[in-house]
């Protein structure tokens, strides 16, 4: 425990986060959701507001449909575990007395996307490998003069392959930009309703 705290303190003093710290922060879904929400809003929020939004995302409902026990569960986890840890790591500033949390400048180092693979997807690296293999096979068949593949010609295949990879790369780039932390209304790993209006952090919380 002492070693961990010493490492965290050293990281903060250096003014930058280590790769280990970044991945430790992102390893938990609730911490990822917290980063996404805070970066999306761009201003401090109350832990009550944060817990309500995270509860909505986790349960797949609108914020006004979140049950008190669901929000309370998130509130407790954030207050006791996640926000203090993120504060120690230098990722957020958590005012325990006021119940207000804000991002630090370290958020700039989280300007990455979550390379998450859904159950019905394949990794992009495998997709590009398969696409390249198919294109190579078609060009080889055409070079051997096998019909009807040989009718397109070398220039035709070169143009087709170039356009295909450009289109796929364009889609991949757009998709990744939408998965950057805080770039969309909802975290990239969920399709839950978007962020509602924020509760202005004034005073202390009632729970």
N, C-alpha and C. Protein backbone atom coordinates (compact mmCIF):
# COMPACT_ATOMS: atom_id res chain seq x y z
N UNK A 1 0.83 -1.20 0.00
CA UNK A 1 0.00 0.00 0.00
C UNK A 1 0.86 1.25 0.00
N UNK A 2 1.93 1.25 0.85
CA UNK A 2 2.82 2.40 0.93
C UNK A 2 3.51 2.64 -0.40
N UNK A 3 3.93 1.55 -1.06
CA UNK A 3 4.59 1.67 -2.35
C UNK A 3 3.66 2.27 -3.38
N UNK A 4 2.39 1.82 -3.38
CA UNK A 4 1.41 2.33 -4.33
C UNK A 4 1.20 3.82 -4.15
N UNK A 5 1.07 4.26 -2.89
CA UNK A 5 0.84 5.67 -2.62
C UNK A 5 2.05 6.51 -3.01
N UNK A 6 3.24 5.97 -2.77
CA UNK A 6 4.45 6.68 -3.15
C UNK A 6 4.54 6.85 -4.65
N UNK A 7 4.16 5.79 -5.38
CA UNK A 7 4.17 5.86 -6.84
C UNK A 7 3.17 6.88 -7.34
N UNK A 8 1.97 6.89 -6.75
CA UNK A 8 0.94 7.83 -7.15
C UNK A 8 1.38 9.26 -6.90
N UNK A 9 2.02 9.52 -5.73
CA UNK A 9 2.46 10.86 -5.39
C UNK A 9 3.55 11.33 -6.35
N UNK A 10 4.46 10.42 -6.68
CA UNK A 10 5.53 10.76 -7.61
C UNK A 10 4.97 11.10 -8.97
N UNK A 11 3.94 10.35 -9.38
CA UNK A 11 3.32 10.60 -10.68
C UNK A 11 2.73 11.99 -10.74
N UNK A 12 2.04 12.40 -9.65
CA UNK A 12 1.39 13.69 -9.63
C UNK A 12 2.43 14.80 -9.63
N UNK A 13 3.53 14.63 -8.84
CA UNK A 13 4.55 15.65 -8.75
C UNK A 13 5.23 15.87 -10.08
N UNK A 14 5.36 14.85 -10.87
CA UNK A 14 6.00 14.97 -12.17
C UNK A 14 5.15 15.74 -13.16
N UNK A 15 3.87 15.92 -12.87
CA UNK A 15 2.99 16.70 -13.74
C UNK A 15 2.45 15.93 -14.91
N UNK A 16 2.74 14.65 -14.98
CA UNK A 16 2.21 13.84 -16.06
C UNK A 16 1.90 12.46 -15.52
N UNK A 17 0.99 11.79 -16.20
CA UNK A 17 0.57 10.47 -15.76
C UNK A 17 1.33 9.39 -16.51
N UNK A 18 1.70 8.36 -15.80
CA UNK A 18 2.36 7.24 -16.44
C UNK A 18 1.34 6.41 -17.20
N UNK A 19 1.82 5.60 -18.12
CA UNK A 19 0.94 4.72 -18.86
C UNK A 19 0.21 3.77 -17.92
N UNK A 20 0.92 3.33 -16.88
CA UNK A 20 0.31 2.43 -15.89
C UNK A 20 -0.86 3.11 -15.18
N UNK A 21 -0.68 4.39 -14.83
CA UNK A 21 -1.74 5.13 -14.15
C UNK A 21 -2.95 5.30 -15.06
N UNK A 22 -2.70 5.62 -16.32
CA UNK A 22 -3.79 5.81 -17.28
C UNK A 22 -4.59 4.52 -17.44
N UNK A 23 -3.90 3.41 -17.61
CA UNK A 23 -4.61 2.15 -17.80
C UNK A 23 -5.29 1.68 -16.52
N UNK A 24 -4.69 2.02 -15.37
CA UNK A 24 -5.33 1.68 -14.11
C UNK A 24 -6.64 2.44 -13.96
N UNK A 25 -6.65 3.69 -14.39
CA UNK A 25 -7.87 4.49 -14.34
C UNK A 25 -8.92 3.95 -15.29
N UNK A 26 -8.49 3.59 -16.49
CA UNK A 26 -9.43 3.14 -17.51
C UNK A 26 -9.86 1.68 -17.33
N UNK A 27 -9.24 0.98 -16.40
CA UNK A 27 -9.55 -0.44 -16.24
C UNK A 27 -10.93 -0.68 -15.62
N UNK A 28 -11.51 0.36 -15.04
CA UNK A 28 -12.82 0.23 -14.40
C UNK A 28 -13.86 1.02 -15.18
N UNK A 29 -15.00 0.40 -15.46
CA UNK A 29 -16.03 1.04 -16.28
C UNK A 29 -16.57 2.31 -15.64
N UNK A 30 -16.76 2.30 -14.33
CA UNK A 30 -17.31 3.48 -13.67
C UNK A 30 -16.33 4.65 -13.72
N UNK A 31 -15.05 4.37 -13.67
CA UNK A 31 -14.07 5.44 -13.80
C UNK A 31 -14.03 5.95 -15.24
N UNK A 32 -14.20 5.06 -16.20
CA UNK A 32 -14.27 5.49 -17.61
C UNK A 32 -15.50 6.37 -17.82
N UNK A 33 -16.62 5.94 -17.27
CA UNK A 33 -17.85 6.73 -17.39
C UNK A 33 -17.66 8.10 -16.74
N UNK A 34 -16.99 8.13 -15.60
CA UNK A 34 -16.75 9.40 -14.90
C UNK A 34 -15.93 10.35 -15.76
N UNK A 35 -14.85 9.85 -16.34
CA UNK A 35 -14.02 10.67 -17.22
C UNK A 35 -14.81 11.18 -18.41
N UNK A 36 -15.59 10.30 -19.00
CA UNK A 36 -16.37 10.67 -20.18
C UNK A 36 -17.36 11.78 -19.84
N UNK A 37 -18.07 11.62 -18.75
CA UNK A 37 -19.09 12.60 -18.36
C UNK A 37 -18.47 13.96 -18.04
N UNK A 38 -17.39 13.95 -17.26
CA UNK A 38 -16.75 15.20 -16.88
C UNK A 38 -16.13 15.92 -18.08
N UNK A 39 -15.51 15.15 -18.97
CA UNK A 39 -14.91 15.78 -20.14
C UNK A 39 -15.98 16.30 -21.09
N UNK A 40 -17.07 15.57 -21.20
CA UNK A 40 -18.16 15.99 -22.08
C UNK A 40 -18.76 17.31 -21.60
N UNK A 41 -18.93 17.45 -20.29
CA UNK A 41 -19.54 18.66 -19.74
C UNK A 41 -18.54 19.81 -19.66
N UNK A 42 -17.29 19.50 -19.35
CA UNK A 42 -16.28 20.54 -19.29
C UNK A 42 -16.38 21.45 -18.09
N UNK A 43 -17.01 21.00 -17.02
CA UNK A 43 -17.14 21.81 -15.82
C UNK A 43 -17.32 20.90 -14.61
N UNK A 44 -17.07 21.44 -13.39
CA UNK A 44 -17.25 20.62 -12.18
C UNK A 44 -18.71 20.20 -12.02
N UNK A 45 -18.92 19.06 -11.42
CA UNK A 45 -20.28 18.57 -11.16
C UNK A 45 -20.35 18.03 -9.74
N UNK A 46 -21.55 17.92 -9.24
CA UNK A 46 -21.73 17.31 -7.92
C UNK A 46 -21.68 15.80 -8.05
N UNK A 47 -21.30 15.15 -6.98
CA UNK A 47 -21.26 13.69 -7.00
C UNK A 47 -22.68 13.14 -7.14
N UNK A 48 -23.65 13.88 -6.67
CA UNK A 48 -25.05 13.45 -6.82
C UNK A 48 -25.43 13.40 -8.30
N UNK A 49 -25.07 14.45 -9.03
CA UNK A 49 -25.36 14.50 -10.46
C UNK A 49 -24.61 13.40 -11.20
N UNK A 50 -23.33 13.23 -10.84
CA UNK A 50 -22.50 12.21 -11.48
C UNK A 50 -23.05 10.81 -11.23
N UNK A 51 -23.41 10.52 -10.00
CA UNK A 51 -23.92 9.19 -9.67
C UNK A 51 -25.24 8.91 -10.37
N UNK A 52 -26.07 9.93 -10.53
CA UNK A 52 -27.35 9.74 -11.21
C UNK A 52 -27.16 9.42 -12.69
N UNK A 53 -26.22 10.15 -13.34
CA UNK A 53 -25.97 9.90 -14.76
C UNK A 53 -25.35 8.53 -14.98
N UNK A 54 -24.40 8.16 -14.13
CA UNK A 54 -23.77 6.85 -14.27
C UNK A 54 -24.76 5.73 -14.02
N UNK A 55 -25.67 5.94 -13.08
CA UNK A 55 -26.71 4.93 -12.81
C UNK A 55 -27.61 4.77 -14.03
N UNK A 56 -27.92 5.87 -14.71
CA UNK A 56 -28.74 5.81 -15.91
C UNK A 56 -28.03 5.01 -17.00
N UNK A 57 -26.74 5.27 -17.20
CA UNK A 57 -25.98 4.55 -18.21
C UNK A 57 -25.88 3.06 -17.87
N UNK A 58 -25.61 2.76 -16.62
CA UNK A 58 -25.44 1.36 -16.24
C UNK A 58 -26.73 0.55 -16.35
N UNK A 59 -27.86 1.20 -16.10
CA UNK A 59 -29.14 0.49 -16.10
C UNK A 59 -29.92 0.66 -17.40
N UNK A 60 -29.37 1.43 -18.34
CA UNK A 60 -30.01 1.59 -19.64
C UNK A 60 -31.32 2.33 -19.61
N UNK A 61 -31.40 3.37 -18.78
CA UNK A 61 -32.64 4.13 -18.65
C UNK A 61 -32.35 5.62 -18.74
N UNK A 62 -33.43 6.43 -18.85
CA UNK A 62 -33.29 7.87 -18.78
C UNK A 62 -32.98 8.26 -17.33
N UNK A 63 -32.42 9.44 -17.15
CA UNK A 63 -32.04 9.85 -15.80
C UNK A 63 -33.24 9.96 -14.86
N UNK A 64 -34.37 10.41 -15.39
CA UNK A 64 -35.54 10.55 -14.51
C UNK A 64 -36.17 9.20 -14.16
N UNK A 65 -35.64 8.12 -14.73
CA UNK A 65 -36.13 6.78 -14.42
C UNK A 65 -35.21 6.04 -13.45
N UNK A 66 -34.12 6.67 -13.06
CA UNK A 66 -33.19 6.04 -12.13
C UNK A 66 -33.84 5.91 -10.75
N UNK A 67 -33.75 4.71 -10.19
CA UNK A 67 -34.33 4.47 -8.86
C UNK A 67 -33.37 4.98 -7.78
N UNK A 68 -33.91 5.43 -6.65
CA UNK A 68 -33.06 5.94 -5.57
C UNK A 68 -31.97 4.97 -5.13
N UNK A 69 -32.31 3.68 -5.06
CA UNK A 69 -31.31 2.70 -4.61
C UNK A 69 -30.20 2.52 -5.65
N UNK A 70 -30.53 2.71 -6.93
CA UNK A 70 -29.53 2.60 -7.98
C UNK A 70 -28.55 3.78 -7.90
N UNK A 71 -29.10 4.98 -7.70
CA UNK A 71 -28.25 6.15 -7.57
C UNK A 71 -27.41 6.07 -6.30
N UNK A 72 -28.02 5.61 -5.22
CA UNK A 72 -27.30 5.49 -3.95
C UNK A 72 -26.14 4.52 -4.06
N UNK A 73 -26.35 3.42 -4.78
CA UNK A 73 -25.28 2.44 -4.96
C UNK A 73 -24.09 3.06 -5.70
N UNK A 74 -24.39 3.83 -6.74
CA UNK A 74 -23.32 4.51 -7.48
C UNK A 74 -22.67 5.58 -6.64
N UNK A 75 -23.49 6.32 -5.90
CA UNK A 75 -22.97 7.39 -5.04
C UNK A 75 -21.96 6.83 -4.05
N UNK A 76 -22.32 5.73 -3.41
CA UNK A 76 -21.45 5.12 -2.40
C UNK A 76 -20.14 4.65 -3.02
N UNK A 77 -20.22 3.99 -4.18
CA UNK A 77 -19.02 3.48 -4.84
C UNK A 77 -18.10 4.62 -5.28
N UNK A 78 -18.69 5.68 -5.82
CA UNK A 78 -17.89 6.83 -6.25
C UNK A 78 -17.24 7.52 -5.06
N UNK A 79 -18.03 7.75 -4.02
CA UNK A 79 -17.55 8.50 -2.86
C UNK A 79 -16.48 7.74 -2.08
N UNK A 80 -16.67 6.45 -1.92
CA UNK A 80 -15.76 5.67 -1.08
C UNK A 80 -14.55 5.11 -1.84
N UNK A 81 -14.70 4.86 -3.12
CA UNK A 81 -13.65 4.17 -3.86
C UNK A 81 -13.08 4.95 -5.03
N UNK A 82 -13.92 5.19 -6.03
CA UNK A 82 -13.41 5.67 -7.32
C UNK A 82 -12.90 7.11 -7.30
N UNK A 83 -13.67 8.03 -6.76
CA UNK A 83 -13.24 9.43 -6.77
C UNK A 83 -12.01 9.67 -5.90
N UNK A 84 -11.93 9.10 -4.68
CA UNK A 84 -10.70 9.26 -3.91
C UNK A 84 -9.47 8.69 -4.64
N UNK A 85 -9.65 7.55 -5.30
CA UNK A 85 -8.53 6.95 -6.04
C UNK A 85 -8.12 7.83 -7.21
N UNK A 86 -9.10 8.34 -7.96
CA UNK A 86 -8.80 9.20 -9.10
C UNK A 86 -8.17 10.51 -8.64
N UNK A 87 -8.56 10.97 -7.47
CA UNK A 87 -7.96 12.18 -6.91
C UNK A 87 -6.50 11.93 -6.55
N UNK A 88 -6.21 10.79 -5.93
CA UNK A 88 -4.83 10.45 -5.58
C UNK A 88 -3.95 10.31 -6.83
N UNK A 89 -4.54 9.78 -7.88
CA UNK A 89 -3.80 9.60 -9.13
C UNK A 89 -3.59 10.91 -9.88
N UNK A 90 -4.29 11.97 -9.45
CA UNK A 90 -4.14 13.25 -10.11
C UNK A 90 -5.02 13.41 -11.33
N UNK A 91 -6.01 12.55 -11.48
CA UNK A 91 -6.90 12.59 -12.64
C UNK A 91 -8.04 13.59 -12.43
N UNK A 92 -8.58 13.63 -11.21
CA UNK A 92 -9.65 14.57 -10.88
C UNK A 92 -9.31 15.25 -9.56
N UNK A 93 -10.03 16.33 -9.27
CA UNK A 93 -9.98 16.97 -7.97
C UNK A 93 -11.33 16.75 -7.31
N UNK A 94 -11.32 16.05 -6.19
CA UNK A 94 -12.56 15.71 -5.51
C UNK A 94 -12.64 16.45 -4.18
N UNK A 95 -13.59 17.38 -4.08
CA UNK A 95 -13.83 18.12 -2.85
C UNK A 95 -14.85 17.33 -2.04
N UNK A 96 -14.36 16.58 -1.09
CA UNK A 96 -15.21 15.71 -0.30
C UNK A 96 -16.23 16.49 0.52
N UNK A 97 -15.84 17.67 1.02
CA UNK A 97 -16.74 18.46 1.87
C UNK A 97 -17.93 19.01 1.08
N UNK A 98 -17.67 19.51 -0.11
CA UNK A 98 -18.74 20.08 -0.95
C UNK A 98 -19.39 19.04 -1.84
N UNK A 99 -18.74 17.90 -2.00
CA UNK A 99 -19.29 16.87 -2.87
C UNK A 99 -19.20 17.24 -4.33
N UNK A 100 -18.10 17.91 -4.71
CA UNK A 100 -17.93 18.38 -6.08
C UNK A 100 -16.67 17.76 -6.67
N UNK A 101 -16.75 17.35 -7.92
CA UNK A 101 -15.62 16.73 -8.60
C UNK A 101 -15.35 17.46 -9.90
N UNK A 102 -14.06 17.65 -10.23
CA UNK A 102 -13.67 18.34 -11.45
C UNK A 102 -12.44 17.65 -12.04
N UNK A 103 -12.29 17.77 -13.34
CA UNK A 103 -11.13 17.20 -14.01
C UNK A 103 -9.89 18.05 -13.77
N UNK A 104 -8.73 17.43 -13.83
CA UNK A 104 -7.47 18.16 -13.81
C UNK A 104 -6.97 18.27 -15.25
N UNK A 105 -5.86 18.96 -15.43
CA UNK A 105 -5.29 19.09 -16.77
C UNK A 105 -4.80 17.75 -17.31
N UNK A 106 -4.68 16.77 -16.44
CA UNK A 106 -4.20 15.45 -16.87
C UNK A 106 -5.16 14.78 -17.84
N UNK A 107 -6.40 15.28 -17.95
CA UNK A 107 -7.37 14.67 -18.85
C UNK A 107 -6.89 14.70 -20.29
N UNK A 108 -6.01 15.65 -20.62
CA UNK A 108 -5.49 15.72 -21.99
C UNK A 108 -4.76 14.44 -22.37
N UNK A 109 -4.22 13.75 -21.37
CA UNK A 109 -3.50 12.51 -21.65
C UNK A 109 -4.43 11.33 -21.88
N UNK A 110 -5.72 11.55 -21.67
CA UNK A 110 -6.71 10.50 -21.90
C UNK A 110 -7.40 10.68 -23.25
N UNK A 111 -6.81 11.50 -24.11
CA UNK A 111 -7.42 11.75 -25.41
C UNK A 111 -7.18 10.56 -26.33
N UNK A 112 -7.73 9.43 -25.92
CA UNK A 112 -7.60 8.18 -26.65
C UNK A 112 -8.97 7.55 -26.78
N UNK A 113 -9.10 6.60 -27.65
CA UNK A 113 -10.37 5.91 -27.80
C UNK A 113 -10.27 4.53 -27.15
N UNK A 114 -11.43 4.00 -26.80
CA UNK A 114 -11.47 2.66 -26.21
C UNK A 114 -11.57 1.65 -27.35
N UNK A 115 -10.55 0.85 -27.53
CA UNK A 115 -10.56 -0.15 -28.59
C UNK A 115 -11.31 -1.38 -28.10
N UNK A 116 -12.62 -1.19 -27.94
CA UNK A 116 -13.46 -2.27 -27.43
C UNK A 116 -14.06 -3.05 -28.58
N UNK A 117 -14.10 -4.34 -28.45
CA UNK A 117 -14.64 -5.19 -29.49
C UNK A 117 -15.93 -5.83 -29.00
N UNK A 118 -17.02 -5.54 -29.67
CA UNK A 118 -18.30 -6.12 -29.29
C UNK A 118 -18.33 -7.59 -29.67
N UNK A 119 -19.34 -8.28 -29.16
CA UNK A 119 -19.44 -9.72 -29.40
C UNK A 119 -19.60 -10.05 -30.87
N UNK A 120 -20.22 -9.12 -31.64
CA UNK A 120 -20.48 -9.38 -33.05
C UNK A 120 -19.46 -8.70 -33.96
N UNK A 121 -18.31 -8.27 -33.42
CA UNK A 121 -17.29 -7.61 -34.21
C UNK A 121 -16.01 -8.44 -34.21
N UNK A 122 -15.14 -8.12 -35.17
CA UNK A 122 -13.79 -8.67 -35.14
C UNK A 122 -12.83 -7.50 -34.98
N UNK A 123 -11.65 -7.72 -34.41
CA UNK A 123 -10.68 -6.63 -34.27
C UNK A 123 -10.32 -6.04 -35.63
N UNK A 124 -10.08 -4.73 -35.67
CA UNK A 124 -9.77 -4.08 -36.94
C UNK A 124 -8.48 -4.62 -37.55
N UNK A 125 -7.53 -5.00 -36.72
CA UNK A 125 -6.28 -5.54 -37.26
C UNK A 125 -6.55 -6.80 -38.08
N UNK A 126 -7.44 -7.66 -37.57
CA UNK A 126 -7.80 -8.87 -38.30
C UNK A 126 -8.60 -8.54 -39.56
N UNK A 127 -9.44 -7.51 -39.48
CA UNK A 127 -10.23 -7.12 -40.65
C UNK A 127 -9.32 -6.64 -41.78
N UNK A 128 -8.33 -5.78 -41.44
CA UNK A 128 -7.41 -5.29 -42.47
C UNK A 128 -6.57 -6.43 -43.04
N UNK A 129 -6.18 -7.37 -42.18
CA UNK A 129 -5.41 -8.52 -42.66
C UNK A 129 -6.24 -9.34 -43.64
N UNK A 130 -7.49 -9.59 -43.32
CA UNK A 130 -8.37 -10.35 -44.21
C UNK A 130 -8.61 -9.60 -45.51
N UNK A 131 -8.83 -8.29 -45.40
CA UNK A 131 -9.07 -7.48 -46.60
C UNK A 131 -7.85 -7.48 -47.51
N UNK A 132 -6.67 -7.34 -46.92
CA UNK A 132 -5.44 -7.36 -47.71
C UNK A 132 -5.20 -8.71 -48.35
N UNK A 133 -5.54 -9.77 -47.64
CA UNK A 133 -5.35 -11.12 -48.18
C UNK A 133 -6.25 -11.36 -49.38
N UNK A 134 -7.51 -10.93 -49.28
CA UNK A 134 -8.45 -11.09 -50.39
C UNK A 134 -7.99 -10.29 -51.60
N UNK A 135 -7.55 -9.03 -51.37
CA UNK A 135 -7.09 -8.19 -52.48
C UNK A 135 -5.86 -8.81 -53.15
N UNK A 136 -4.94 -9.32 -52.35
CA UNK A 136 -3.73 -9.95 -52.91
C UNK A 136 -4.09 -11.18 -53.73
N UNK A 137 -5.02 -11.98 -53.24
CA UNK A 137 -5.44 -13.18 -53.96
C UNK A 137 -6.08 -12.82 -55.29
N UNK A 138 -6.92 -11.79 -55.31
CA UNK A 138 -7.57 -11.38 -56.55
C UNK A 138 -6.56 -10.89 -57.58
N UNK A 139 -5.58 -10.09 -57.12
CA UNK A 139 -4.55 -9.58 -58.03
C UNK A 139 -3.72 -10.74 -58.58
N UNK A 140 -3.39 -11.71 -57.74
CA UNK A 140 -2.61 -12.87 -58.18
C UNK A 140 -3.37 -13.68 -59.22
N UNK A 141 -4.66 -13.88 -58.98
CA UNK A 141 -5.49 -14.63 -59.94
C UNK A 141 -5.57 -13.89 -61.26
N UNK A 142 -5.71 -12.56 -61.18
CA UNK A 142 -5.78 -11.77 -62.42
C UNK A 142 -4.47 -11.83 -63.18
N UNK A 143 -3.34 -11.82 -62.45
CA UNK A 143 -2.03 -11.87 -63.10
C UNK A 143 -1.82 -13.20 -63.82
N UNK A 144 -2.47 -14.25 -63.34
CA UNK A 144 -2.35 -15.56 -63.98
C UNK A 144 -3.27 -15.68 -65.20
N UNK A 145 -4.07 -14.65 -65.44
CA UNK A 145 -4.94 -14.65 -66.62
C UNK A 145 -6.20 -15.46 -66.47
N UNK A 146 -6.58 -15.76 -65.24
CA UNK A 146 -7.78 -16.55 -64.99
C UNK A 146 -9.02 -15.68 -65.17
N UNK A 147 -9.95 -16.13 -65.99
CA UNK A 147 -11.18 -15.40 -66.25
C UNK A 147 -12.24 -15.73 -65.19
N UNK A 148 -13.12 -14.81 -64.87
CA UNK A 148 -13.25 -13.47 -65.46
C UNK A 148 -12.42 -12.41 -64.75
N UNK A 149 -11.55 -12.83 -63.80
CA UNK A 149 -10.80 -11.86 -63.01
C UNK A 149 -9.79 -11.06 -63.84
N UNK A 150 -9.29 -11.66 -64.93
CA UNK A 150 -8.27 -11.00 -65.73
C UNK A 150 -8.83 -9.86 -66.58
N UNK A 151 -10.14 -9.78 -66.73
CA UNK A 151 -10.74 -8.75 -67.59
C UNK A 151 -10.59 -7.34 -67.04
N UNK A 152 -10.44 -7.21 -65.73
CA UNK A 152 -10.36 -5.88 -65.13
C UNK A 152 -9.03 -5.20 -65.40
N UNK A 153 -7.97 -5.96 -65.49
CA UNK A 153 -6.66 -5.37 -65.77
C UNK A 153 -5.95 -4.91 -64.52
N UNK A 154 -4.63 -4.72 -64.64
CA UNK A 154 -3.83 -4.31 -63.49
C UNK A 154 -4.22 -2.96 -62.93
N UNK A 155 -4.43 -1.97 -63.81
CA UNK A 155 -4.81 -0.63 -63.34
C UNK A 155 -6.17 -0.66 -62.65
N UNK A 156 -7.08 -1.42 -63.20
CA UNK A 156 -8.41 -1.51 -62.60
C UNK A 156 -8.37 -2.08 -61.20
N UNK A 157 -7.56 -3.14 -61.01
CA UNK A 157 -7.44 -3.73 -59.68
C UNK A 157 -6.76 -2.76 -58.71
N UNK A 158 -5.72 -2.07 -59.19
CA UNK A 158 -5.02 -1.11 -58.34
C UNK A 158 -5.97 -0.01 -57.86
N UNK A 159 -6.80 0.49 -58.79
CA UNK A 159 -7.76 1.53 -58.45
C UNK A 159 -8.81 1.01 -57.47
N UNK A 160 -9.31 -0.19 -57.74
CA UNK A 160 -10.34 -0.77 -56.88
C UNK A 160 -9.83 -1.00 -55.46
N UNK A 161 -8.61 -1.55 -55.36
CA UNK A 161 -8.03 -1.82 -54.04
C UNK A 161 -7.77 -0.52 -53.29
N UNK A 162 -7.26 0.49 -54.00
CA UNK A 162 -6.99 1.79 -53.38
C UNK A 162 -8.27 2.42 -52.84
N UNK A 163 -9.32 2.42 -53.65
CA UNK A 163 -10.59 3.00 -53.23
C UNK A 163 -11.19 2.23 -52.05
N UNK A 164 -11.05 0.92 -52.09
CA UNK A 164 -11.60 0.09 -51.02
C UNK A 164 -10.92 0.38 -49.69
N UNK A 165 -9.59 0.40 -49.70
CA UNK A 165 -8.86 0.66 -48.45
C UNK A 165 -9.08 2.09 -47.97
N UNK A 166 -9.20 3.04 -48.89
CA UNK A 166 -9.47 4.42 -48.50
C UNK A 166 -10.82 4.54 -47.82
N UNK A 167 -11.83 3.88 -48.38
CA UNK A 167 -13.17 3.92 -47.81
C UNK A 167 -13.20 3.29 -46.42
N UNK A 168 -12.57 2.13 -46.29
CA UNK A 168 -12.55 1.44 -45.00
C UNK A 168 -11.77 2.24 -43.96
N UNK A 169 -10.62 2.80 -44.36
CA UNK A 169 -9.82 3.60 -43.44
C UNK A 169 -10.57 4.86 -43.01
N UNK A 170 -11.33 5.45 -43.94
CA UNK A 170 -12.12 6.63 -43.60
C UNK A 170 -13.18 6.31 -42.57
N UNK A 171 -13.87 5.18 -42.76
CA UNK A 171 -14.88 4.76 -41.79
C UNK A 171 -14.24 4.45 -40.45
N UNK A 172 -13.10 3.79 -40.47
CA UNK A 172 -12.39 3.44 -39.24
C UNK A 172 -11.99 4.70 -38.47
N UNK A 173 -11.48 5.71 -39.18
CA UNK A 173 -11.08 6.96 -38.55
C UNK A 173 -12.27 7.67 -37.91
N UNK A 174 -13.38 7.74 -38.65
CA UNK A 174 -14.59 8.38 -38.13
C UNK A 174 -15.10 7.65 -36.90
N UNK A 175 -15.08 6.34 -36.96
CA UNK A 175 -15.55 5.53 -35.83
C UNK A 175 -14.68 5.75 -34.59
N UNK A 176 -13.36 5.82 -34.78
CA UNK A 176 -12.46 6.03 -33.65
C UNK A 176 -12.64 7.40 -33.03
N UNK A 177 -12.88 8.41 -33.86
CA UNK A 177 -13.09 9.76 -33.33
C UNK A 177 -14.33 9.81 -32.45
N UNK A 178 -15.32 9.03 -32.82
CA UNK A 178 -16.54 9.01 -32.02
C UNK A 178 -16.36 8.24 -30.72
N UNK A 179 -15.26 7.50 -30.62
CA UNK A 179 -15.00 6.71 -29.42
C UNK A 179 -13.99 7.38 -28.50
N UNK A 180 -13.57 8.60 -28.84
CA UNK A 180 -12.67 9.35 -27.97
C UNK A 180 -13.40 9.72 -26.69
N UNK A 181 -12.71 9.67 -25.57
CA UNK A 181 -13.32 10.00 -24.28
C UNK A 181 -13.94 11.38 -24.32
N UNK A 182 -15.24 11.46 -24.03
CA UNK A 182 -15.93 12.74 -23.95
C UNK A 182 -16.35 13.33 -25.28
N UNK A 183 -16.19 12.61 -26.38
CA UNK A 183 -16.51 13.17 -27.69
C UNK A 183 -17.98 13.01 -28.07
N UNK A 184 -18.71 12.14 -27.38
CA UNK A 184 -20.11 11.90 -27.69
C UNK A 184 -20.96 12.07 -26.44
N UNK A 185 -22.28 12.09 -26.62
CA UNK A 185 -23.18 12.26 -25.48
C UNK A 185 -23.10 11.09 -24.51
N UNK A 186 -22.82 9.91 -25.03
CA UNK A 186 -22.74 8.72 -24.18
C UNK A 186 -21.38 8.07 -24.35
N UNK A 187 -20.93 7.30 -23.36
CA UNK A 187 -19.65 6.60 -23.50
C UNK A 187 -19.68 5.67 -24.71
N UNK A 188 -18.54 5.44 -25.35
CA UNK A 188 -18.51 4.62 -26.56
C UNK A 188 -18.90 3.18 -26.35
N UNK A 189 -18.93 2.71 -25.11
CA UNK A 189 -19.26 1.31 -24.85
C UNK A 189 -20.70 1.11 -24.46
N UNK A 190 -21.54 2.12 -24.66
CA UNK A 190 -22.95 1.98 -24.31
C UNK A 190 -23.80 2.76 -25.28
N UNK A 191 -25.07 2.38 -25.37
CA UNK A 191 -26.01 3.08 -26.25
C UNK A 191 -27.15 3.66 -25.44
N UNK A 192 -26.83 4.05 -24.22
CA UNK A 192 -27.84 4.54 -23.28
C UNK A 192 -28.16 6.00 -23.56
N UNK A 193 -29.36 6.50 -23.19
CA UNK A 193 -29.77 7.86 -23.47
C UNK A 193 -28.72 8.90 -23.10
N UNK A 194 -28.70 10.06 -23.83
CA UNK A 194 -27.68 11.07 -23.64
C UNK A 194 -27.80 11.84 -22.33
N UNK A 195 -26.79 12.68 -22.11
CA UNK A 195 -26.69 13.47 -20.90
C UNK A 195 -27.80 14.50 -20.82
N UNK A 196 -28.43 14.59 -19.66
CA UNK A 196 -29.43 15.63 -19.43
C UNK A 196 -28.73 16.88 -18.90
N UNK A 197 -29.54 17.85 -18.49
CA UNK A 197 -28.96 19.06 -17.93
C UNK A 197 -28.26 18.73 -16.62
N UNK A 198 -27.21 19.49 -16.33
CA UNK A 198 -26.41 19.21 -15.15
C UNK A 198 -26.92 19.98 -13.94
N UNK A 199 -26.77 19.38 -12.81
CA UNK A 199 -27.09 20.05 -11.56
C UNK A 199 -25.92 20.93 -11.18
N UNK A 200 -26.15 22.23 -10.97
CA UNK A 200 -25.08 23.14 -10.62
C UNK A 200 -24.56 22.83 -9.24
N UNK A 201 -23.23 22.67 -9.08
CA UNK A 201 -22.67 22.30 -7.80
C UNK A 201 -22.69 23.43 -6.80
N UNK A 202 -23.74 23.55 -6.01
CA UNK A 202 -23.82 24.60 -5.01
C UNK A 202 -24.04 23.97 -3.65
N UNK A 203 -23.13 24.28 -2.73
CA UNK A 203 -23.28 23.81 -1.37
C UNK A 203 -23.04 22.33 -1.21
N UNK A 204 -23.43 21.83 -0.06
CA UNK A 204 -23.21 20.44 0.26
C UNK A 204 -24.39 19.59 -0.18
N UNK A 205 -24.16 18.31 -0.22
CA UNK A 205 -25.20 17.38 -0.64
C UNK A 205 -25.98 16.91 0.57
N UNK A 206 -27.18 16.42 0.31
CA UNK A 206 -28.01 15.97 1.41
C UNK A 206 -27.81 14.51 1.73
N UNK A 207 -26.95 13.82 0.94
CA UNK A 207 -26.64 12.43 1.28
C UNK A 207 -25.20 12.20 0.95
